[in-house]
């Protein structure tokens, strides 16, 4: 496996999202070169290092408004240290709009990235696109 760039906020994962346990070597000392790291690490590094666009503590319902803004602007954003792409935001809003209030309340207790991952998992189960 090729070396990866460590995520600036989460030392347990690479910028491209690969868990640290799966990475055999880290590229942290020298500037990254394309033959030493995956393309996702190189393209996401500037966005991963930038400040957050939105901050939402667990239970903050304005997270959905931020996701709707991502969809409306058709541009990814950084929420609570995690890059959220247009597709993930769109799927989360779509699933959110179809949930009952009691399920929404349960999801709101999760951190923002967990809420998004749960909605993507629900979408994958419904559409039969398990695993991505």
N, C-alpha and C. Protein backbone atom coordinates (compact mmCIF):
# COMPACT_ATOMS: atom_id res chain seq x y z
N UNK A 1 0.85 -1.18 0.00
CA UNK A 1 0.00 0.00 0.00
C UNK A 1 0.89 1.24 0.00
N UNK A 2 0.44 2.27 -0.71
CA UNK A 2 1.22 3.50 -0.78
C UNK A 2 1.01 4.32 0.49
N UNK A 3 1.98 5.13 0.85
CA UNK A 3 1.85 5.97 2.03
C UNK A 3 0.73 7.00 1.87
N UNK A 4 0.20 7.46 2.97
CA UNK A 4 -0.89 8.43 2.96
C UNK A 4 -0.55 9.62 3.85
N UNK A 5 -1.25 10.71 3.59
CA UNK A 5 -1.06 11.92 4.40
C UNK A 5 -2.02 11.84 5.59
N UNK A 6 -1.49 12.09 6.76
CA UNK A 6 -2.31 12.04 7.97
C UNK A 6 -3.31 13.20 7.97
N UNK A 7 -4.54 12.90 8.36
CA UNK A 7 -5.57 13.93 8.45
C UNK A 7 -5.17 14.93 9.52
N UNK A 8 -5.28 16.24 9.26
CA UNK A 8 -4.80 17.23 10.23
C UNK A 8 -5.56 17.21 11.56
N UNK A 9 -6.80 16.73 11.57
CA UNK A 9 -7.56 16.73 12.82
C UNK A 9 -7.71 15.36 13.44
N UNK A 10 -7.51 14.31 12.66
CA UNK A 10 -7.73 12.96 13.17
C UNK A 10 -6.52 12.11 12.84
N UNK A 11 -5.67 11.88 13.84
CA UNK A 11 -4.44 11.13 13.60
C UNK A 11 -4.72 9.66 13.32
N UNK A 12 -5.96 9.23 13.51
CA UNK A 12 -6.29 7.83 13.28
C UNK A 12 -6.71 7.56 11.85
N UNK A 13 -6.69 8.58 10.99
CA UNK A 13 -7.10 8.35 9.61
C UNK A 13 -6.32 9.22 8.65
N UNK A 14 -6.29 8.77 7.40
CA UNK A 14 -5.64 9.51 6.34
C UNK A 14 -6.62 10.56 5.82
N UNK A 15 -6.11 11.51 5.06
CA UNK A 15 -6.97 12.54 4.48
C UNK A 15 -8.06 11.91 3.62
N UNK A 16 -7.73 10.81 2.94
CA UNK A 16 -8.71 10.18 2.06
C UNK A 16 -9.69 9.32 2.84
N UNK A 17 -9.56 9.21 4.15
CA UNK A 17 -10.52 8.47 4.96
C UNK A 17 -10.11 7.05 5.28
N UNK A 18 -8.97 6.61 4.82
CA UNK A 18 -8.52 5.25 5.12
C UNK A 18 -8.11 5.19 6.59
N UNK A 19 -8.60 4.19 7.35
CA UNK A 19 -8.22 4.08 8.77
C UNK A 19 -6.71 3.87 8.93
N UNK A 20 -6.18 4.37 10.02
CA UNK A 20 -4.74 4.28 10.26
C UNK A 20 -4.26 2.84 10.30
N UNK A 21 -5.11 1.92 10.74
CA UNK A 21 -4.72 0.52 10.82
C UNK A 21 -4.42 -0.06 9.44
N UNK A 22 -5.00 0.51 8.39
CA UNK A 22 -4.81 0.00 7.03
C UNK A 22 -3.66 0.68 6.29
N UNK A 23 -3.05 1.69 6.91
CA UNK A 23 -1.97 2.43 6.26
C UNK A 23 -0.64 1.91 6.78
N UNK A 24 0.25 1.53 5.85
CA UNK A 24 1.53 0.96 6.28
C UNK A 24 2.61 2.02 6.51
N UNK A 25 2.48 3.18 5.86
CA UNK A 25 3.49 4.22 6.00
C UNK A 25 2.85 5.58 5.81
N UNK A 26 3.27 6.54 6.64
CA UNK A 26 2.71 7.89 6.57
C UNK A 26 3.66 8.83 5.88
N UNK A 27 3.14 9.73 5.07
CA UNK A 27 3.92 10.78 4.41
C UNK A 27 3.64 12.07 5.18
N UNK A 28 4.50 12.39 6.14
CA UNK A 28 4.23 13.57 6.97
C UNK A 28 5.37 14.58 6.97
N UNK A 29 6.59 14.15 6.67
CA UNK A 29 7.73 15.04 6.76
C UNK A 29 7.89 15.93 5.53
N UNK A 30 7.89 15.32 4.37
CA UNK A 30 8.12 16.04 3.13
C UNK A 30 6.79 16.43 2.50
N UNK A 31 6.82 17.43 1.61
CA UNK A 31 5.59 17.74 0.88
C UNK A 31 5.15 16.50 0.10
N UNK A 32 3.86 16.25 0.01
CA UNK A 32 3.40 15.04 -0.66
C UNK A 32 3.73 15.05 -2.14
N UNK A 33 4.08 13.90 -2.65
CA UNK A 33 4.34 13.73 -4.07
C UNK A 33 3.37 12.68 -4.58
N UNK A 34 2.95 12.81 -5.83
CA UNK A 34 1.90 11.94 -6.36
C UNK A 34 2.28 10.47 -6.35
N UNK A 35 3.57 10.14 -6.40
CA UNK A 35 3.94 8.73 -6.38
C UNK A 35 4.01 8.16 -4.96
N UNK A 36 3.78 8.98 -3.94
CA UNK A 36 3.83 8.52 -2.56
C UNK A 36 2.49 8.50 -1.86
N UNK A 37 1.46 8.93 -2.50
CA UNK A 37 0.17 8.99 -1.81
C UNK A 37 -0.96 8.84 -2.80
N UNK A 38 -2.13 8.51 -2.31
CA UNK A 38 -3.26 8.35 -3.22
C UNK A 38 -3.75 9.71 -3.71
N UNK A 39 -4.44 9.70 -4.82
CA UNK A 39 -4.89 10.96 -5.43
C UNK A 39 -5.88 11.70 -4.53
N UNK A 40 -6.71 10.96 -3.79
CA UNK A 40 -7.68 11.60 -2.89
C UNK A 40 -6.97 12.41 -1.82
N UNK A 41 -5.87 11.87 -1.26
CA UNK A 41 -5.13 12.60 -0.23
C UNK A 41 -4.61 13.91 -0.79
N UNK A 42 -4.08 13.87 -2.00
CA UNK A 42 -3.51 15.08 -2.59
C UNK A 42 -4.58 16.13 -2.88
N UNK A 43 -5.73 15.71 -3.39
CA UNK A 43 -6.75 16.67 -3.76
C UNK A 43 -7.51 17.20 -2.55
N UNK A 44 -7.60 16.42 -1.49
CA UNK A 44 -8.37 16.85 -0.32
C UNK A 44 -7.54 17.55 0.75
N UNK A 45 -6.22 17.51 0.64
CA UNK A 45 -5.39 18.08 1.69
C UNK A 45 -5.66 19.56 1.95
N UNK A 46 -5.74 20.43 0.94
CA UNK A 46 -6.03 21.84 1.24
C UNK A 46 -7.39 22.03 1.90
N UNK A 47 -8.40 21.28 1.47
CA UNK A 47 -9.73 21.40 2.07
C UNK A 47 -9.75 20.85 3.49
N UNK A 48 -9.00 19.79 3.74
CA UNK A 48 -8.97 19.20 5.08
C UNK A 48 -8.30 20.14 6.08
N UNK A 49 -7.37 20.95 5.62
CA UNK A 49 -6.65 21.84 6.52
C UNK A 49 -7.36 23.18 6.74
N UNK A 50 -8.36 23.49 5.92
CA UNK A 50 -9.03 24.79 6.04
C UNK A 50 -9.96 24.81 7.26
N UNK A 51 -10.35 25.99 7.72
CA UNK A 51 -11.27 26.06 8.86
C UNK A 51 -12.67 25.55 8.48
N UNK A 52 -13.43 25.21 9.50
CA UNK A 52 -14.79 24.70 9.27
C UNK A 52 -15.69 25.77 8.67
N UNK A 53 -16.56 25.35 7.75
CA UNK A 53 -17.59 26.25 7.22
C UNK A 53 -18.76 26.35 8.19
N UNK A 54 -19.08 25.24 8.83
CA UNK A 54 -20.20 25.19 9.78
C UNK A 54 -19.79 24.38 11.00
N UNK A 55 -20.29 24.80 12.17
CA UNK A 55 -20.10 24.04 13.41
C UNK A 55 -21.46 23.76 14.02
N UNK A 56 -21.71 22.49 14.31
CA UNK A 56 -22.99 22.10 14.89
C UNK A 56 -22.76 21.08 16.00
N UNK A 57 -23.08 21.41 17.24
CA UNK A 57 -22.99 20.42 18.30
C UNK A 57 -24.11 19.39 18.12
N UNK A 58 -23.96 18.19 18.69
CA UNK A 58 -25.05 17.21 18.60
C UNK A 58 -26.35 17.80 19.13
N UNK A 59 -27.43 17.54 18.42
CA UNK A 59 -28.74 18.06 18.82
C UNK A 59 -29.11 19.36 18.13
N UNK A 60 -28.21 19.92 17.34
CA UNK A 60 -28.46 21.18 16.66
C UNK A 60 -29.16 20.92 15.32
N UNK A 61 -30.43 21.28 15.24
CA UNK A 61 -31.23 21.02 14.04
C UNK A 61 -30.82 21.88 12.86
N UNK A 62 -30.01 22.91 13.08
CA UNK A 62 -29.57 23.75 11.96
C UNK A 62 -28.56 23.03 11.07
N UNK A 63 -28.11 21.85 11.49
CA UNK A 63 -27.25 21.03 10.64
C UNK A 63 -27.94 20.74 9.31
N UNK A 64 -29.22 20.44 9.36
CA UNK A 64 -29.96 20.14 8.13
C UNK A 64 -30.02 21.37 7.23
N UNK A 65 -30.15 22.55 7.83
CA UNK A 65 -30.13 23.79 7.02
C UNK A 65 -28.78 23.96 6.33
N UNK A 66 -27.70 23.62 7.03
CA UNK A 66 -26.37 23.71 6.42
C UNK A 66 -26.24 22.72 5.27
N UNK A 67 -26.78 21.52 5.44
CA UNK A 67 -26.75 20.53 4.37
C UNK A 67 -27.60 20.99 3.17
N UNK A 68 -28.72 21.61 3.46
CA UNK A 68 -29.55 22.15 2.37
C UNK A 68 -28.79 23.25 1.61
N UNK A 69 -28.00 24.04 2.34
CA UNK A 69 -27.20 25.08 1.71
C UNK A 69 -26.13 24.48 0.79
N UNK A 70 -25.53 23.36 1.23
CA UNK A 70 -24.54 22.67 0.40
C UNK A 70 -25.20 22.22 -0.91
N UNK A 71 -26.41 21.67 -0.80
CA UNK A 71 -27.13 21.20 -1.99
C UNK A 71 -27.50 22.38 -2.88
N UNK A 72 -27.99 23.45 -2.28
CA UNK A 72 -28.41 24.62 -3.07
C UNK A 72 -27.22 25.27 -3.77
N UNK A 73 -26.08 25.35 -3.07
CA UNK A 73 -24.88 25.98 -3.65
C UNK A 73 -24.13 25.03 -4.59
N UNK A 74 -24.48 23.74 -4.52
CA UNK A 74 -23.81 22.70 -5.31
C UNK A 74 -22.29 22.74 -5.09
N UNK A 75 -21.91 22.87 -3.81
CA UNK A 75 -20.50 22.96 -3.46
C UNK A 75 -20.26 22.27 -2.12
N UNK A 76 -19.22 21.45 -2.04
CA UNK A 76 -18.92 20.76 -0.78
C UNK A 76 -18.58 21.79 0.29
N UNK A 77 -18.65 21.37 1.54
CA UNK A 77 -18.32 22.25 2.67
C UNK A 77 -17.73 21.40 3.79
N UNK A 78 -17.15 22.08 4.74
CA UNK A 78 -16.55 21.40 5.88
C UNK A 78 -17.43 21.65 7.10
N UNK A 79 -17.95 20.56 7.67
CA UNK A 79 -18.83 20.64 8.83
C UNK A 79 -18.17 19.89 9.98
N UNK A 80 -17.90 20.57 11.06
CA UNK A 80 -17.31 19.97 12.26
C UNK A 80 -16.06 19.15 11.95
N UNK A 81 -15.20 19.67 11.07
CA UNK A 81 -13.95 19.00 10.76
C UNK A 81 -14.03 17.93 9.70
N UNK A 82 -15.20 17.71 9.11
CA UNK A 82 -15.38 16.67 8.11
C UNK A 82 -15.85 17.30 6.80
N UNK A 83 -15.22 16.93 5.70
CA UNK A 83 -15.66 17.41 4.39
C UNK A 83 -16.93 16.66 3.99
N UNK A 84 -17.95 17.42 3.63
CA UNK A 84 -19.23 16.83 3.21
C UNK A 84 -19.44 17.18 1.74
N UNK A 85 -19.53 16.15 0.91
CA UNK A 85 -19.70 16.38 -0.52
C UNK A 85 -21.17 16.60 -0.84
N UNK A 86 -21.43 17.01 -2.06
CA UNK A 86 -22.79 17.32 -2.51
C UNK A 86 -23.70 16.10 -2.44
N UNK A 87 -23.20 14.94 -2.87
CA UNK A 87 -24.03 13.73 -2.88
C UNK A 87 -24.45 13.34 -1.47
N UNK A 88 -23.50 13.33 -0.52
CA UNK A 88 -23.81 12.96 0.86
C UNK A 88 -24.82 13.93 1.47
N UNK A 89 -24.64 15.21 1.19
CA UNK A 89 -25.59 16.21 1.72
C UNK A 89 -26.97 15.99 1.11
N UNK A 90 -27.03 15.73 -0.18
CA UNK A 90 -28.30 15.52 -0.87
C UNK A 90 -29.02 14.28 -0.34
N UNK A 91 -28.29 13.19 -0.17
CA UNK A 91 -28.89 11.96 0.35
C UNK A 91 -29.38 12.17 1.78
N UNK A 92 -28.60 12.86 2.59
CA UNK A 92 -29.00 13.11 3.98
C UNK A 92 -30.28 13.93 4.04
N UNK A 93 -30.37 14.98 3.24
CA UNK A 93 -31.57 15.81 3.23
C UNK A 93 -32.78 15.01 2.72
N UNK A 94 -32.57 14.19 1.69
CA UNK A 94 -33.66 13.37 1.14
C UNK A 94 -34.20 12.40 2.19
N UNK A 95 -33.30 11.71 2.87
CA UNK A 95 -33.73 10.76 3.92
C UNK A 95 -34.36 11.52 5.08
N UNK A 96 -33.77 12.63 5.48
CA UNK A 96 -34.28 13.43 6.60
C UNK A 96 -35.73 13.86 6.34
N UNK A 97 -36.02 14.30 5.12
CA UNK A 97 -37.36 14.78 4.80
C UNK A 97 -38.41 13.68 4.87
N UNK A 98 -37.98 12.43 4.78
CA UNK A 98 -38.93 11.31 4.79
C UNK A 98 -39.04 10.62 6.15
N UNK A 99 -38.23 11.04 7.11
CA UNK A 99 -38.26 10.42 8.44
C UNK A 99 -39.38 10.98 9.30
N UNK A 100 -39.85 10.14 10.22
CA UNK A 100 -40.81 10.60 11.22
C UNK A 100 -40.06 11.39 12.29
N UNK A 101 -40.81 12.22 13.02
CA UNK A 101 -40.19 13.10 14.02
C UNK A 101 -39.39 12.34 15.08
N UNK A 102 -39.90 11.18 15.54
CA UNK A 102 -39.17 10.45 16.59
C UNK A 102 -37.83 9.92 16.08
N UNK A 103 -37.76 9.56 14.80
CA UNK A 103 -36.49 9.11 14.23
C UNK A 103 -35.54 10.29 14.03
N UNK A 104 -36.09 11.44 13.67
CA UNK A 104 -35.26 12.64 13.53
C UNK A 104 -34.63 13.01 14.86
N UNK A 105 -35.41 12.93 15.93
CA UNK A 105 -34.89 13.27 17.26
C UNK A 105 -33.75 12.35 17.66
N UNK A 106 -33.89 11.05 17.34
CA UNK A 106 -32.82 10.10 17.66
C UNK A 106 -31.56 10.40 16.87
N UNK A 107 -31.73 10.73 15.59
CA UNK A 107 -30.56 11.05 14.77
C UNK A 107 -29.87 12.33 15.23
N UNK A 108 -30.64 13.29 15.71
CA UNK A 108 -30.05 14.56 16.14
C UNK A 108 -29.16 14.42 17.37
N UNK A 109 -29.25 13.32 18.09
CA UNK A 109 -28.38 13.12 19.25
C UNK A 109 -26.97 12.74 18.83
N UNK A 110 -26.79 12.38 17.55
CA UNK A 110 -25.48 11.96 17.04
C UNK A 110 -24.66 13.17 16.58
N UNK A 111 -23.32 13.01 16.57
CA UNK A 111 -22.49 14.06 15.94
C UNK A 111 -22.84 14.16 14.46
N UNK A 112 -22.52 15.28 13.85
CA UNK A 112 -22.94 15.54 12.47
C UNK A 112 -22.45 14.48 11.49
N UNK A 113 -21.20 14.05 11.60
CA UNK A 113 -20.70 13.05 10.64
C UNK A 113 -21.41 11.72 10.79
N UNK A 114 -21.78 11.35 12.03
CA UNK A 114 -22.50 10.10 12.26
C UNK A 114 -23.91 10.18 11.68
N UNK A 115 -24.56 11.32 11.84
CA UNK A 115 -25.90 11.51 11.29
C UNK A 115 -25.87 11.34 9.77
N UNK A 116 -24.88 11.94 9.13
CA UNK A 116 -24.75 11.84 7.67
C UNK A 116 -24.49 10.39 7.26
N UNK A 117 -23.58 9.71 7.97
CA UNK A 117 -23.28 8.31 7.65
C UNK A 117 -24.50 7.41 7.82
N UNK A 118 -25.29 7.65 8.86
CA UNK A 118 -26.51 6.85 9.06
C UNK A 118 -27.50 7.06 7.92
N UNK A 119 -27.68 8.31 7.50
CA UNK A 119 -28.61 8.59 6.39
C UNK A 119 -28.12 7.96 5.09
N UNK A 120 -26.82 7.98 4.86
CA UNK A 120 -26.26 7.34 3.66
C UNK A 120 -26.47 5.83 3.74
N UNK A 121 -26.31 5.25 4.92
CA UNK A 121 -26.54 3.81 5.09
C UNK A 121 -28.00 3.45 4.83
N UNK A 122 -28.91 4.27 5.31
CA UNK A 122 -30.34 4.04 5.07
C UNK A 122 -30.62 4.10 3.57
N UNK A 123 -30.08 5.11 2.91
CA UNK A 123 -30.26 5.26 1.47
C UNK A 123 -29.71 4.06 0.72
N UNK A 124 -28.54 3.59 1.13
CA UNK A 124 -27.92 2.43 0.47
C UNK A 124 -28.77 1.18 0.64
N UNK A 125 -29.34 0.98 1.84
CA UNK A 125 -30.21 -0.16 2.05
C UNK A 125 -31.48 -0.08 1.22
N UNK A 126 -32.05 1.12 1.14
CA UNK A 126 -33.30 1.29 0.39
C UNK A 126 -33.08 1.08 -1.11
N UNK A 127 -32.00 1.60 -1.62
CA UNK A 127 -31.76 1.53 -3.06
C UNK A 127 -31.02 0.27 -3.47
N UNK A 128 -30.56 -0.50 -2.50
CA UNK A 128 -29.86 -1.73 -2.82
C UNK A 128 -28.44 -1.52 -3.26
N UNK A 129 -27.86 -0.36 -2.92
CA UNK A 129 -26.49 -0.05 -3.31
C UNK A 129 -25.57 -0.17 -2.11
N UNK A 130 -25.58 -1.33 -1.48
CA UNK A 130 -24.75 -1.54 -0.29
C UNK A 130 -23.28 -1.52 -0.68
N UNK A 131 -22.47 -0.92 0.18
CA UNK A 131 -21.04 -0.85 -0.04
C UNK A 131 -20.59 0.31 -0.90
N UNK A 132 -21.46 1.26 -1.21
CA UNK A 132 -21.01 2.44 -1.92
C UNK A 132 -21.83 2.82 -3.02
